[in-house]
Amino acid sequence: MFGWGVVIYAVMYLLVAGLSLYGMYPNLFSRILALGTLILLSTLAGLSLQFRLKKDILPYAVIWVIEIAVLDAIMSVPYAGWGMYLDWNVWVGYALVLLVPLFAASIHRRPTLETPL
């Protein structure tokens, strides 16, 4: 599941680039759209693992955050500078990629004889 970090980064990068190209970023609508897209992608990534326990998803989510941070350093720092890491939006994005997949286990969970409701 290494690819989900790249997919999340690529979709978000294209979304922000497209919104910026047409002068729609940053504003409230574009922030909400980006936030919703990030939550949707992170949920899909968590669901794709088909794990029932958060502890099983956590290592993947950590790897995805590391991948995205490295891609930020490679792709965004050259034109935005290291100061981009001072923006709280960047850290909220990292936190969402880490935490949202963990809740996908709750969505995926189906009651069985072994797991209590």
PDB file of N, CA and C in Angstrom:
ATOM      1  N   MET A   1       0.808  -1.201   0.000  1.00  0.00           N
ATOM      2  CA  MET A   1       0.000   0.000   0.000  1.00  0.00           C
ATOM      3  C   MET A   1       0.851   1.264   0.000  1.00  0.00           C
ATOM      4  N   PHE A   2       2.066   1.132  -0.472  1.00  0.00           N
ATOM      5  CA  PHE A   2       2.972   2.269  -0.580  1.00  0.00           C
ATOM      6  C   PHE A   2       2.394   3.348  -1.492  1.00  0.00           C
ATOM      7  N   GLY A   3       1.660   2.953  -2.488  1.00  0.00           N
ATOM      8  CA  GLY A   3       1.167   3.880  -3.495  1.00  0.00           C
ATOM      9  C   GLY A   3       0.164   4.902  -3.009  1.00  0.00           C
ATOM     10  N   TRP A   4      -0.539   4.639  -1.918  1.00  0.00           N
ATOM     11  CA  TRP A   4      -1.555   5.587  -1.466  1.00  0.00           C
ATOM     12  C   TRP A   4      -0.968   6.929  -1.067  1.00  0.00           C
ATOM     13  N   GLY A   5       0.214   6.946  -0.507  1.00  0.00           N
ATOM     14  CA  GLY A   5       0.857   8.225  -0.164  1.00  0.00           C
ATOM     15  C   GLY A   5       1.090   9.060  -1.410  1.00  0.00           C
ATOM     16  N   VAL A   6       1.532   8.409  -2.463  1.00  0.00           N
ATOM     17  CA  VAL A   6       1.774   9.091  -3.735  1.00  0.00           C
ATOM     18  C   VAL A   6       0.452   9.550  -4.355  1.00  0.00           C
ATOM     19  N   VAL A   7      -0.558   8.703  -4.301  1.00  0.00           N
ATOM     20  CA  VAL A   7      -1.867   9.057  -4.867  1.00  0.00           C
ATOM     21  C   VAL A   7      -2.456  10.262  -4.130  1.00  0.00           C
ATOM     22  N   ILE A   8      -2.422  10.228  -2.812  1.00  0.00           N
ATOM     23  CA  ILE A   8      -2.950  11.343  -2.025  1.00  0.00           C
ATOM     24  C   ILE A   8      -2.208  12.625  -2.374  1.00  0.00           C
ATOM     25  N   TYR A   9      -0.880  12.548  -2.421  1.00  0.00           N
ATOM     26  CA  TYR A   9      -0.089  13.739  -2.744  1.00  0.00           C
ATOM     27  C   TYR A   9      -0.405  14.248  -4.148  1.00  0.00           C
ATOM     28  N   ALA A  10      -0.457  13.335  -5.113  1.00  0.00           N
ATOM     29  CA  ALA A  10      -0.668  13.743  -6.506  1.00  0.00           C
ATOM     30  C   ALA A  10      -2.032  14.399  -6.697  1.00  0.00           C
ATOM     31  N   VAL A  11      -3.073  13.813  -6.144  1.00  0.00           N
ATOM     32  CA  VAL A  11      -4.408  14.377  -6.299  1.00  0.00           C
ATOM     33  C   VAL A  11      -4.486  15.745  -5.626  1.00  0.00           C
ATOM     34  N   MET A  12      -3.946  15.862  -4.428  1.00  0.00           N
ATOM     35  CA  MET A  12      -4.001  17.141  -3.722  1.00  0.00           C
ATOM     36  C   MET A  12      -3.156  18.198  -4.440  1.00  0.00           C
ATOM     37  N   TYR A  13      -2.011  17.800  -4.948  1.00  0.00           N
ATOM     38  CA  TYR A  13      -1.145  18.725  -5.680  1.00  0.00           C
ATOM     39  C   TYR A  13      -1.861  19.238  -6.929  1.00  0.00           C
ATOM     40  N   LEU A  14      -2.473  18.318  -7.677  1.00  0.00           N
ATOM     41  CA  LEU A  14      -3.206  18.718  -8.878  1.00  0.00           C
ATOM     42  C   LEU A  14      -4.419  19.583  -8.541  1.00  0.00           C
ATOM     43  N   LEU A  15      -5.110  19.266  -7.468  1.00  0.00           N
ATOM     44  CA  LEU A  15      -6.267  20.053  -7.067  1.00  0.00           C
ATOM     45  C   LEU A  15      -5.865  21.486  -6.724  1.00  0.00           C
ATOM     46  N   VAL A  16      -4.849  21.631  -5.892  1.00  0.00           N
ATOM     47  CA  VAL A  16      -4.399  22.971  -5.497  1.00  0.00           C
ATOM     48  C   VAL A  16      -3.822  23.717  -6.701  1.00  0.00           C
ATOM     49  N   ALA A  17      -3.074  23.019  -7.554  1.00  0.00           N
ATOM     50  CA  ALA A  17      -2.517  23.665  -8.739  1.00  0.00           C
ATOM     51  C   ALA A  17      -3.629  24.137  -9.674  1.00  0.00           C
ATOM     52  N   GLY A  18      -4.634  23.304  -9.878  1.00  0.00           N
ATOM     53  CA  GLY A  18      -5.743  23.682 -10.739  1.00  0.00           C
ATOM     54  C   GLY A  18      -6.540  24.847 -10.178  1.00  0.00           C
ATOM     55  N   LEU A  19      -6.811  24.812  -8.887  1.00  0.00           N
ATOM     56  CA  LEU A  19      -7.533  25.915  -8.264  1.00  0.00           C
ATOM     57  C   LEU A  19      -6.709  27.204  -8.322  1.00  0.00           C
ATOM     58  N   SER A  20      -5.403  27.098  -8.114  1.00  0.00           N
ATOM     59  CA  SER A  20      -4.522  28.266  -8.180  1.00  0.00           C
ATOM     60  C   SER A  20      -4.469  28.838  -9.595  1.00  0.00           C
ATOM     61  N   LEU A  21      -4.435  27.953 -10.562  1.00  0.00           N
ATOM     62  CA  LEU A  21      -4.362  28.367 -11.962  1.00  0.00           C
ATOM     63  C   LEU A  21      -5.542  29.258 -12.343  1.00  0.00           C
ATOM     64  N   TYR A  22      -6.699  28.940 -11.802  1.00  0.00           N
ATOM     65  CA  TYR A  22      -7.897  29.709 -12.121  1.00  0.00           C
ATOM     66  C   TYR A  22      -8.238  30.750 -11.057  1.00  0.00           C
ATOM     67  N   GLY A  23      -7.260  31.055 -10.188  1.00  0.00           N
ATOM     68  CA  GLY A  23      -7.425  32.113  -9.197  1.00  0.00           C
ATOM     69  C   GLY A  23      -8.421  31.798  -8.096  1.00  0.00           C
ATOM     70  N   MET A  24      -8.668  30.535  -7.876  1.00  0.00           N
ATOM     71  CA  MET A  24      -9.643  30.147  -6.858  1.00  0.00           C
ATOM     72  C   MET A  24      -9.006  29.693  -5.554  1.00  0.00           C
ATOM     73  N   TYR A  25      -7.689  29.750  -5.465  1.00  0.00           N
ATOM     74  CA  TYR A  25      -6.995  29.307  -4.251  1.00  0.00           C
ATOM     75  C   TYR A  25      -6.084  30.408  -3.784  1.00  0.00           C
ATOM     76  N   PRO A  26      -6.002  30.756  -2.554  1.00  0.00           N
ATOM     77  CA  PRO A  26      -6.773  30.222  -1.434  1.00  0.00           C
ATOM     78  C   PRO A  26      -8.001  31.067  -1.146  1.00  0.00           C
ATOM     79  N   ASN A  27      -9.100  30.432  -0.973  1.00  0.00           N
ATOM     80  CA  ASN A  27     -10.307  31.057  -0.446  1.00  0.00           C
ATOM     81  C   ASN A  27     -11.071  29.989   0.335  1.00  0.00           C
ATOM     82  N   LEU A  28     -12.166  30.361   0.932  1.00  0.00           N
ATOM     83  CA  LEU A  28     -12.885  29.438   1.799  1.00  0.00           C
ATOM     84  C   LEU A  28     -13.379  28.216   1.033  1.00  0.00           C
ATOM     85  N   PHE A  29     -13.966  28.430  -0.145  1.00  0.00           N
ATOM     86  CA  PHE A  29     -14.465  27.310  -0.939  1.00  0.00           C
ATOM     87  C   PHE A  29     -13.357  26.323  -1.275  1.00  0.00           C
ATOM     88  N   SER A  30     -12.218  26.830  -1.724  1.00  0.00           N
ATOM     89  CA  SER A  30     -11.129  25.938  -2.118  1.00  0.00           C
ATOM     90  C   SER A  30     -10.546  25.204  -0.920  1.00  0.00           C
ATOM     91  N   ARG A  31     -10.499  25.860   0.231  1.00  0.00           N
ATOM     92  CA  ARG A  31     -10.005  25.184   1.445  1.00  0.00           C
ATOM     93  C   ARG A  31     -10.941  24.054   1.850  1.00  0.00           C
ATOM     94  N   ILE A  32     -12.248  24.304   1.774  1.00  0.00           N
ATOM     95  CA  ILE A  32     -13.220  23.267   2.125  1.00  0.00           C
ATOM     96  C   ILE A  32     -13.146  22.120   1.124  1.00  0.00           C
ATOM     97  N   LEU A  33     -13.038  22.448  -0.163  1.00  0.00           N
ATOM     98  CA  LEU A  33     -12.913  21.426  -1.199  1.00  0.00           C
ATOM     99  C   LEU A  33     -11.651  20.583  -0.982  1.00  0.00           C
ATOM    100  N   ALA A  34     -10.532  21.226  -0.709  1.00  0.00           N
ATOM    101  CA  ALA A  34      -9.283  20.501  -0.475  1.00  0.00           C
ATOM    102  C   ALA A  34      -9.379  19.634   0.780  1.00  0.00           C
ATOM    103  N   LEU A  35      -9.973  20.160   1.829  1.00  0.00           N
ATOM    104  CA  LEU A  35     -10.134  19.405   3.066  1.00  0.00           C
ATOM    105  C   LEU A  35     -11.019  18.182   2.838  1.00  0.00           C
ATOM    106  N   GLY A  36     -12.126  18.371   2.155  1.00  0.00           N
ATOM    107  CA  GLY A  36     -13.017  17.251   1.858  1.00  0.00           C
ATOM    108  C   GLY A  36     -12.352  16.198   0.986  1.00  0.00           C
ATOM    109  N   THR A  37     -11.594  16.647   0.007  1.00  0.00           N
ATOM    110  CA  THR A  37     -10.882  15.718  -0.877  1.00  0.00           C
ATOM    111  C   THR A  37      -9.845  14.923  -0.099  1.00  0.00           C
ATOM    112  N   LEU A  38      -9.108  15.600   0.778  1.00  0.00           N
ATOM    113  CA  LEU A  38      -8.090  14.916   1.583  1.00  0.00           C
ATOM    114  C   LEU A  38      -8.734  13.889   2.516  1.00  0.00           C
ATOM    115  N   ILE A  39      -9.840  14.248   3.130  1.00  0.00           N
ATOM    116  CA  ILE A  39     -10.536  13.305   4.013  1.00  0.00           C
ATOM    117  C   ILE A  39     -11.051  12.113   3.216  1.00  0.00           C
ATOM    118  N   LEU A  40     -11.624  12.367   2.045  1.00  0.00           N
ATOM    119  CA  LEU A  40     -12.123  11.284   1.197  1.00  0.00           C
ATOM    120  C   LEU A  40     -10.990  10.343   0.779  1.00  0.00           C
ATOM    121  N   LEU A  41      -9.890  10.898   0.306  1.00  0.00           N
ATOM    122  CA  LEU A  41      -8.757  10.068  -0.133  1.00  0.00           C
ATOM    123  C   LEU A  41      -8.166   9.269   1.024  1.00  0.00           C
ATOM    124  N   SER A  42      -8.037   9.891   2.182  1.00  0.00           N
ATOM    125  CA  SER A  42      -7.478   9.199   3.347  1.00  0.00           C
ATOM    126  C   SER A  42      -8.408   8.084   3.817  1.00  0.00           C
ATOM    127  N   THR A  43      -9.703   8.325   3.733  1.00  0.00           N
ATOM    128  CA  THR A  43     -10.672   7.288   4.097  1.00  0.00           C
ATOM    129  C   THR A  43     -10.582   6.116   3.123  1.00  0.00           C
ATOM    130  N   LEU A  44     -10.521   6.412   1.836  1.00  0.00           N
ATOM    131  CA  LEU A  44     -10.392   5.353   0.833  1.00  0.00           C
ATOM    132  C   LEU A  44      -9.107   4.552   1.034  1.00  0.00           C
ATOM    133  N   ALA A  45      -8.033   5.250   1.361  1.00  0.00           N
ATOM    134  CA  ALA A  45      -6.763   4.553   1.607  1.00  0.00           C
ATOM    135  C   ALA A  45      -6.899   3.617   2.803  1.00  0.00           C
ATOM    136  N   GLY A  46      -7.511   4.099   3.877  1.00  0.00           N
ATOM    137  CA  GLY A  46      -7.704   3.254   5.056  1.00  0.00           C
ATOM    138  C   GLY A  46      -8.610   2.068   4.774  1.00  0.00           C
ATOM    139  N   LEU A  47      -9.697   2.308   4.034  1.00  0.00           N
ATOM    140  CA  LEU A  47     -10.610   1.222   3.696  1.00  0.00           C
ATOM    141  C   LEU A  47      -9.957   0.184   2.792  1.00  0.00           C
ATOM    142  N   SER A  48      -9.059   0.631   1.923  1.00  0.00           N
ATOM    143  CA  SER A  48      -8.418  -0.297   0.988  1.00  0.00           C
ATOM    144  C   SER A  48      -7.564  -1.339   1.704  1.00  0.00           C
ATOM    145  N   LEU A  49      -7.144  -1.027   2.913  1.00  0.00           N
ATOM    146  CA  LEU A  49      -6.340  -1.980   3.673  1.00  0.00           C
ATOM    147  C   LEU A  49      -7.179  -3.141   4.186  1.00  0.00           C
ATOM    148  N   GLN A  50      -8.468  -2.919   4.362  1.00  0.00           N
ATOM    149  CA  GLN A  50      -9.407  -3.927   4.847  1.00  0.00           C
ATOM    150  C   GLN A  50      -9.009  -4.510   6.201  1.00  0.00           C
ATOM    151  N   PHE A  51      -8.435  -3.673   7.047  1.00  0.00           N
ATOM    152  CA  PHE A  51      -8.114  -4.090   8.408  1.00  0.00           C
ATOM    153  C   PHE A  51      -9.243  -3.685   9.334  1.00  0.00           C
ATOM    154  N   ARG A  52      -9.378  -4.406  10.420  1.00  0.00           N
ATOM    155  CA  ARG A  52     -10.432  -4.093  11.375  1.00  0.00           C
ATOM    156  C   ARG A  52      -9.906  -3.336  12.590  1.00  0.00           C
ATOM    157  N   LEU A  53      -8.617  -3.328  12.794  1.00  0.00           N
ATOM    158  CA  LEU A  53      -8.042  -2.696  13.982  1.00  0.00           C
ATOM    159  C   LEU A  53      -7.196  -1.488  13.600  1.00  0.00           C
ATOM    160  N   LYS A  54      -7.326  -0.444  14.407  1.00  0.00           N
ATOM    161  CA  LYS A  54      -6.568   0.782  14.154  1.00  0.00           C
ATOM    162  C   LYS A  54      -5.072   0.541  14.232  1.00  0.00           C
ATOM    163  N   LYS A  55      -4.660  -0.340  15.133  1.00  0.00           N
ATOM    164  CA  LYS A  55      -3.220  -0.608  15.282  1.00  0.00           C
ATOM    165  C   LYS A  55      -2.624  -1.245  14.035  1.00  0.00           C
ATOM    166  N   ASP A  56      -3.448  -1.904  13.240  1.00  0.00           N
ATOM    167  CA  ASP A  56      -2.961  -2.486  11.980  1.00  0.00           C
ATOM    168  C   ASP A  56      -2.808  -1.429  10.892  1.00  0.00           C
ATOM    169  N   ILE A  57      -3.643  -0.399  10.948  1.00  0.00           N
ATOM    170  CA  ILE A  57      -3.617   0.664   9.944  1.00  0.00           C
ATOM    171  C   ILE A  57      -2.525   1.685  10.231  1.00  0.00           C
ATOM    172  N   LEU A  58      -2.225   1.906  11.502  1.00  0.00           N
ATOM    173  CA  LEU A  58      -1.287   2.962  11.910  1.00  0.00           C
ATOM    174  C   LEU A  58       0.048   2.927  11.178  1.00  0.00           C
ATOM    175  N   PRO A  59       0.730   1.785  11.051  1.00  0.00           N
ATOM    176  CA  PRO A  59       2.024   1.808  10.338  1.00  0.00           C
ATOM    177  C   PRO A  59       1.907   2.305   8.894  1.00  0.00           C
ATOM    178  N   TYR A  60       0.830   1.945   8.231  1.00  0.00           N
ATOM    179  CA  TYR A  60       0.623   2.410   6.857  1.00  0.00           C
ATOM    180  C   TYR A  60       0.397   3.913   6.819  1.00  0.00           C
ATOM    181  N   ALA A  61      -0.422   4.406   7.746  1.00  0.00           N
ATOM    182  CA  ALA A  61      -0.710   5.843   7.796  1.00  0.00           C
ATOM    183  C   ALA A  61       0.567   6.640   8.074  1.00  0.00           C
ATOM    184  N   VAL A  62       1.414   6.134   8.953  1.00  0.00           N
ATOM    185  CA  VAL A  62       2.678   6.813   9.251  1.00  0.00           C
ATOM    186  C   VAL A  62       3.556   6.856   7.999  1.00  0.00           C
ATOM    187  N   ILE A  63       3.613   5.757   7.287  1.00  0.00           N
ATOM    188  CA  ILE A  63       4.412   5.716   6.048  1.00  0.00           C
ATOM    189  C   ILE A  63       3.852   6.698   5.029  1.00  0.00           C
ATOM    190  N   TRP A  64       2.520   6.791   4.920  1.00  0.00           N
ATOM    191  CA  TRP A  64       1.912   7.730   3.969  1.00  0.00           C
ATOM    192  C   TRP A  64       2.274   9.165   4.324  1.00  0.00           C
ATOM    193  N   VAL A  65       2.267   9.496   5.608  1.00  0.00           N
ATOM    194  CA  VAL A  65       2.632  10.860   6.030  1.00  0.00           C
ATOM    195  C   VAL A  65       4.088  11.138   5.688  1.00  0.00           C
ATOM    196  N   ILE A  66       4.957  10.178   5.931  1.00  0.00           N
ATOM    197  CA  ILE A  66       6.382  10.347   5.612  1.00  0.00           C
ATOM    198  C   ILE A  66       6.559  10.535   4.103  1.00  0.00           C
ATOM    199  N   GLU A  67       5.865   9.721   3.310  1.00  0.00           N
ATOM    200  CA  GLU A  67       5.931   9.856   1.850  1.00  0.00           C
ATOM    201  C   GLU A  67       5.515  11.256   1.412  1.00  0.00           C
ATOM    202  N   ILE A  68       4.407  11.727   1.963  1.00  0.00           N
ATOM    203  CA  ILE A  68       3.882  13.034   1.575  1.00  0.00           C
ATOM    204  C   ILE A  68       4.834  14.144   2.004  1.00  0.00           C
ATOM    205  N   ALA A  69       5.426  14.030   3.194  1.00  0.00           N
ATOM    206  CA  ALA A  69       6.380  15.038   3.652  1.00  0.00           C
ATOM    207  C   ALA A  69       7.621  15.063   2.760  1.00  0.00           C
ATOM    208  N   VAL A  70       8.087  13.896   2.344  1.00  0.00           N
ATOM    209  CA  VAL A  70       9.248  13.827   1.448  1.00  0.00           C
ATOM    210  C   VAL A  70       8.894  14.423   0.082  1.00  0.00           C
ATOM    211  N   LEU A  71       7.716  14.092  -0.424  1.00  0.00           N
ATOM    212  CA  LEU A  71       7.291  14.666  -1.702  1.00  0.00           C
ATOM    213  C   LEU A  71       7.122  16.178  -1.601  1.00  0.00           C
ATOM    214  N   ASP A  72       6.631  16.663  -0.465  1.00  0.00           N
ATOM    215  CA  ASP A  72       6.570  18.111  -0.241  1.00  0.00           C
ATOM    216  C   ASP A  72       7.960  18.728  -0.316  1.00  0.00           C
ATOM    217  N   ALA A  73       8.928  18.070   0.316  1.00  0.00           N
ATOM    218  CA  ALA A  73      10.297  18.590   0.313  1.00  0.00           C
ATOM    219  C   ALA A  73      10.883  18.612  -1.099  1.00  0.00           C
ATOM    220  N   ILE A  74      10.538  17.610  -1.893  1.00  0.00           N
ATOM    221  CA  ILE A  74      11.081  17.516  -3.253  1.00  0.00           C
ATOM    222  C   ILE A  74      10.349  18.441  -4.226  1.00  0.00           C
ATOM    223  N   MET A  75       9.015  18.465  -4.138  1.00  0.00           N
ATOM    224  CA  MET A  75       8.213  19.154  -5.148  1.00  0.00           C
ATOM    225  C   MET A  75       7.816  20.582  -4.778  1.00  0.00           C
ATOM    226  N   SER A  76       7.603  20.848  -3.510  1.00  0.00           N
ATOM    227  CA  SER A  76       7.065  22.149  -3.118  1.00  0.00           C
ATOM    228  C   SER A  76       8.098  23.109  -2.555  1.00  0.00           C
ATOM    229  N   VAL A  77       9.076  22.595  -1.828  1.00  0.00           N
ATOM    230  CA  VAL A  77      10.074  23.464  -1.210  1.00  0.00           C
ATOM    231  C   VAL A  77      10.848  24.290  -2.232  1.00  0.00           C
ATOM    232  N   PRO A  78      11.181  23.746  -3.430  1.00  0.00           N
ATOM    233  CA  PRO A  78      11.938  24.564  -4.382  1.00  0.00           C
ATOM    234  C   PRO A  78      11.278  25.888  -4.755  1.00  0.00           C
ATOM    235  N   TYR A  79       9.946  25.938  -4.797  1.00  0.00           N
ATOM    236  CA  TYR A  79       9.323  27.220  -5.133  1.00  0.00           C
ATOM    237  C   TYR A  79       8.656  27.887  -3.933  1.00  0.00           C
ATOM    238  N   ALA A  80       8.280  27.136  -2.896  1.00  0.00           N
ATOM    239  CA  ALA A  80       7.617  27.731  -1.733  1.00  0.00           C
ATOM    240  C   ALA A  80       8.597  28.003  -0.601  1.00  0.00           C
ATOM    241  N   GLY A  81       9.728  27.327  -0.608  1.00  0.00           N
ATOM    242  CA  GLY A  81      10.713  27.495   0.451  1.00  0.00           C
ATOM    243  C   GLY A  81      10.372  26.669   1.680  1.00  0.00           C
ATOM    244  N   TRP A  82      11.354  26.536   2.565  1.00  0.00           N
ATOM    245  CA  TRP A  82      11.171  25.745   3.776  1.00  0.00           C
ATOM    246  C   TRP A  82      10.145  26.377   4.713  1.00  0.00           C
ATOM    247  N   GLY A  83       9.851  27.637   4.506  1.00  0.00           N
ATOM    248  CA  GLY A  83       8.859  28.317   5.325  1.00  0.00           C
ATOM    249  C   GLY A  83       7.460  27.741   5.174  1.00  0.00           C
ATOM    250  N   MET A  84       7.246  26.941   4.137  1.00  0.00           N
ATOM    251  CA  MET A  84       5.929  26.321   3.970  1.00  0.00           C
ATOM    252  C   MET A  84       5.572  25.439   5.151  1.00  0.00           C
ATOM    253  N   TYR A  85       6.594  24.927   5.831  1.00  0.00           N
ATOM    254  CA  TYR A  85       6.345  24.077   6.994  1.00  0.00           C
ATOM    255  C   TYR A  85       5.898  24.888   8.209  1.00  0.00           C
ATOM    256  N   LEU A  86       5.945  26.206   8.114  1.00  0.00           N
ATOM    257  CA  LEU A  86       5.436  27.057   9.183  1.00  0.00           C
ATOM    258  C   LEU A  86       3.930  27.292   9.051  1.00  0.00           C
ATOM    259  N   ASP A  87       3.360  26.906   7.921  1.00  0.00           N
ATOM    260  CA  ASP A  87       1.926  27.063   7.684  1.00  0.00           C
ATOM    261  C   ASP A  87       1.170  25.933   8.382  1.00  0.00           C
ATOM    262  N   TRP A  88       0.212  26.285   9.209  1.00  0.00           N
ATOM    263  CA  TRP A  88      -0.530  25.275   9.964  1.00  0.00           C
ATOM    264  C   TRP A  88      -1.346  24.370   9.053  1.00  0.00           C
ATOM    265  N   ASN A  89      -1.701  24.836   7.866  1.00  0.00           N
ATOM    266  CA  ASN A  89      -2.463  24.007   6.937  1.00  0.00           C
ATOM    267  C   ASN A  89      -1.692  22.757   6.525  1.00  0.00           C
ATOM    268  N   VAL A  90      -0.391  22.886   6.386  1.00  0.00           N
ATOM    269  CA  VAL A  90       0.445  21.739   6.026  1.00  0.00           C
ATOM    270  C   VAL A  90       0.362  20.679   7.117  1.00  0.00           C
ATOM    271  N   TRP A  91       0.464  21.116   8.362  1.00  0.00           N
ATOM    272  CA  TRP A  91       0.456  20.181   9.488  1.00  0.00           C
ATOM    273  C   TRP A  91      -0.922  19.576   9.717  1.00  0.00           C
ATOM    274  N   VAL A  92      -1.970  20.330   9.445  1.00  0.00           N
ATOM    275  CA  VAL A  92      -3.323  19.780   9.531  1.00  0.00           C
ATOM    276  C   VAL A  92      -3.487  18.677   8.484  1.00  0.00           C
ATOM    277  N   GLY A  93      -2.959  18.911   7.293  1.00  0.00           N
ATOM    278  CA  GLY A  93      -3.011  17.887   6.248  1.00  0.00           C
ATOM    279  C   GLY A  93      -2.279  16.619   6.658  1.00  0.00           C
ATOM    280  N   TYR A  94      -1.093  16.764   7.215  1.00  0.00           N
ATOM    281  CA  TYR A  94      -0.348  15.595   7.684  1.00  0.00           C
ATOM    282  C   TYR A  94      -1.135  14.860   8.775  1.00  0.00           C
ATOM    283  N   ALA A  95      -1.718  15.614   9.702  1.00  0.00           N
ATOM    284  CA  ALA A  95      -2.485  15.007  10.793  1.00  0.00           C
ATOM    285  C   ALA A  95      -3.694  14.244  10.254  1.00  0.00           C
ATOM    286  N   LEU A  96      -4.358  14.819   9.260  1.00  0.00           N
ATOM    287  CA  LEU A  96      -5.520  14.140   8.680  1.00  0.00           C
ATOM    288  C   LEU A  96      -5.124  12.845   7.981  1.00  0.00           C
ATOM    289  N   VAL A  97      -4.015  12.866   7.260  1.00  0.00           N
ATOM    290  CA  VAL A  97      -3.554  11.651   6.581  1.00  0.00           C
ATOM    291  C   VAL A  97      -3.171  10.583   7.601  1.00  0.00           C
ATOM    292  N   LEU A  98      -2.718  11.002   8.758  1.00  0.00           N
ATOM    293  CA  LEU A  98      -2.372  10.052   9.815  1.00  0.00           C
ATOM    294  C   LEU A  98      -3.610   9.520  10.527  1.00  0.00           C
ATOM    295  N   LEU A  99      -4.564  10.383  10.833  1.00  0.00           N
ATOM    296  CA  LEU A  99      -5.681  10.000  11.701  1.00  0.00           C
ATOM    297  C   LEU A  99      -6.915   9.470  10.967  1.00  0.00           C
ATOM    298  N   VAL A 100      -7.249  10.030   9.829  1.00  0.00           N
ATOM    299  CA  VAL A 100      -8.485   9.633   9.138  1.00  0.00           C
ATOM    300  C   VAL A 100      -8.484   8.151   8.752  1.00  0.00           C
ATOM    301  N   PRO A 101      -7.386   7.595   8.231  1.00  0.00           N
ATOM    302  CA  PRO A 101      -7.425   6.160   7.909  1.00  0.00           C
ATOM    303  C   PRO A 101      -7.700   5.283   9.124  1.00  0.00           C
ATOM    304  N   LEU A 102      -7.312   5.730  10.299  1.00  0.00           N
ATOM    305  CA  LEU A 102      -7.564   4.940  11.508  1.00  0.00           C
ATOM    306  C   LEU A 102      -9.065   4.779  11.751  1.00  0.00           C
ATOM    307  N   PHE A 103      -9.826   5.805  11.424  1.00  0.00           N
ATOM    308  CA  PHE A 103     -11.268   5.732  11.610  1.00  0.00           C
ATOM    309  C   PHE A 103     -11.942   4.914  10.516  1.00  0.00           C
ATOM    310  N   ALA A 104     -11.221   4.640   9.452  1.00  0.00           N
ATOM    311  CA  ALA A 104     -11.762   3.777   8.401  1.00  0.00           C
ATOM    312  C   ALA A 104     -12.005   2.375   8.946  1.00  0.00           C
ATOM    313  N   ALA A 105     -11.249   1.977   9.955  1.00  0.00           N
ATOM    314  CA  ALA A 105     -11.467   0.670  10.580  1.00  0.00           C
ATOM    315  C   ALA A 105     -12.860   0.605  11.188  1.00  0.00           C
ATOM    316  N   SER A 106     -13.340   1.710  11.714  1.00  0.00           N
ATOM    317  CA  SER A 106     -14.690   1.748  12.284  1.00  0.00           C
ATOM    318  C   SER A 106     -15.752   1.629  11.204  1.00  0.00           C
ATOM    319  N   ILE A 107     -15.491   2.218  10.048  1.00  0.00           N
ATOM    320  CA  ILE A 107     -16.434   2.141   8.935  1.00  0.00           C
ATOM    321  C   ILE A 107     -16.471   0.723   8.382  1.00  0.00           C
ATOM    322  N   HIS A 108     -15.309   0.128   8.284  1.00  0.00           N
ATOM    323  CA  HIS A 108     -15.177  -1.190   7.673  1.00  0.00           C
ATOM    324  C   HIS A 108     -15.662  -2.294   8.589  1.00  0.00           C
ATOM    325  N   ARG A 109     -15.657  -2.055   9.862  1.00  0.00           N
ATOM    326  CA  ARG A 109     -15.968  -3.087  10.845  1.00  0.00           C
ATOM    327  C   ARG A 109     -17.404  -3.562  10.691  1.00  0.00           C
ATOM    328  N   ARG A 110     -17.534  -4.863  10.595  1.00  0.00           N
ATOM    329  CA  ARG A 110     -18.845  -5.501  10.573  1.00  0.00           C
ATOM    330  C   ARG A 110     -18.921  -6.410  11.775  1.00  0.00           C
ATOM    331  N   PRO A 111     -20.034  -6.390  12.476  1.00  0.00           N
ATOM    332  CA  PRO A 111     -20.131  -7.260  13.665  1.00  0.00           C
ATOM    333  C   PRO A 111     -20.004  -8.732  13.300  1.00  0.00           C
ATOM    334  N   THR A 112     -19.203  -9.420  14.068  1.00  0.00           N
ATOM    335  CA  THR A 112     -19.075 -10.880  13.935  1.00  0.00           C
ATOM    336  C   THR A 112     -19.192 -11.472  15.328  1.00  0.00           C
ATOM    337  N   LEU A 113     -19.112 -12.745  15.407  1.00  0.00           N
ATOM    338  CA  LEU A 113     -19.178 -13.410  16.708  1.00  0.00           C
ATOM    339  C   LEU A 113     -17.977 -13.042  17.578  1.00  0.00           C
ATOM    340  N   GLU A 114     -16.830 -12.774  16.939  1.00  0.00           N
ATOM    341  CA  GLU A 114     -15.610 -12.475  17.681  1.00  0.00           C
ATOM    342  C   GLU A 114     -15.536 -11.027  18.144  1.00  0.00           C
ATOM    343  N   THR A 115     -16.163 -10.104  17.428  1.00  0.00           N
ATOM    344  CA  THR A 115     -16.061  -8.682  17.784  1.00  0.00           C
ATOM    345  C   THR A 115     -17.381  -8.197  18.358  1.00  0.00           C
ATOM    346  N   PRO A 116     -17.300  -7.572  19.536  1.00  0.00           N
ATOM    347  CA  PRO A 116     -18.528  -7.038  20.122  1.00  0.00           C
ATOM    348  C   PRO A 116     -18.986  -5.788  19.358  1.00  0.00           C
ATOM    349  N   LEU A 117     -20.266  -5.509  19.439  1.00  0.00           N
ATOM    350  CA  LEU A 117     -20.808  -4.323  18.788  1.00  0.00           C
ATOM    351  C   LEU A 117     -20.232  -3.133  19.447  1.00  0.00           C
TER     352      LEU A 117
END
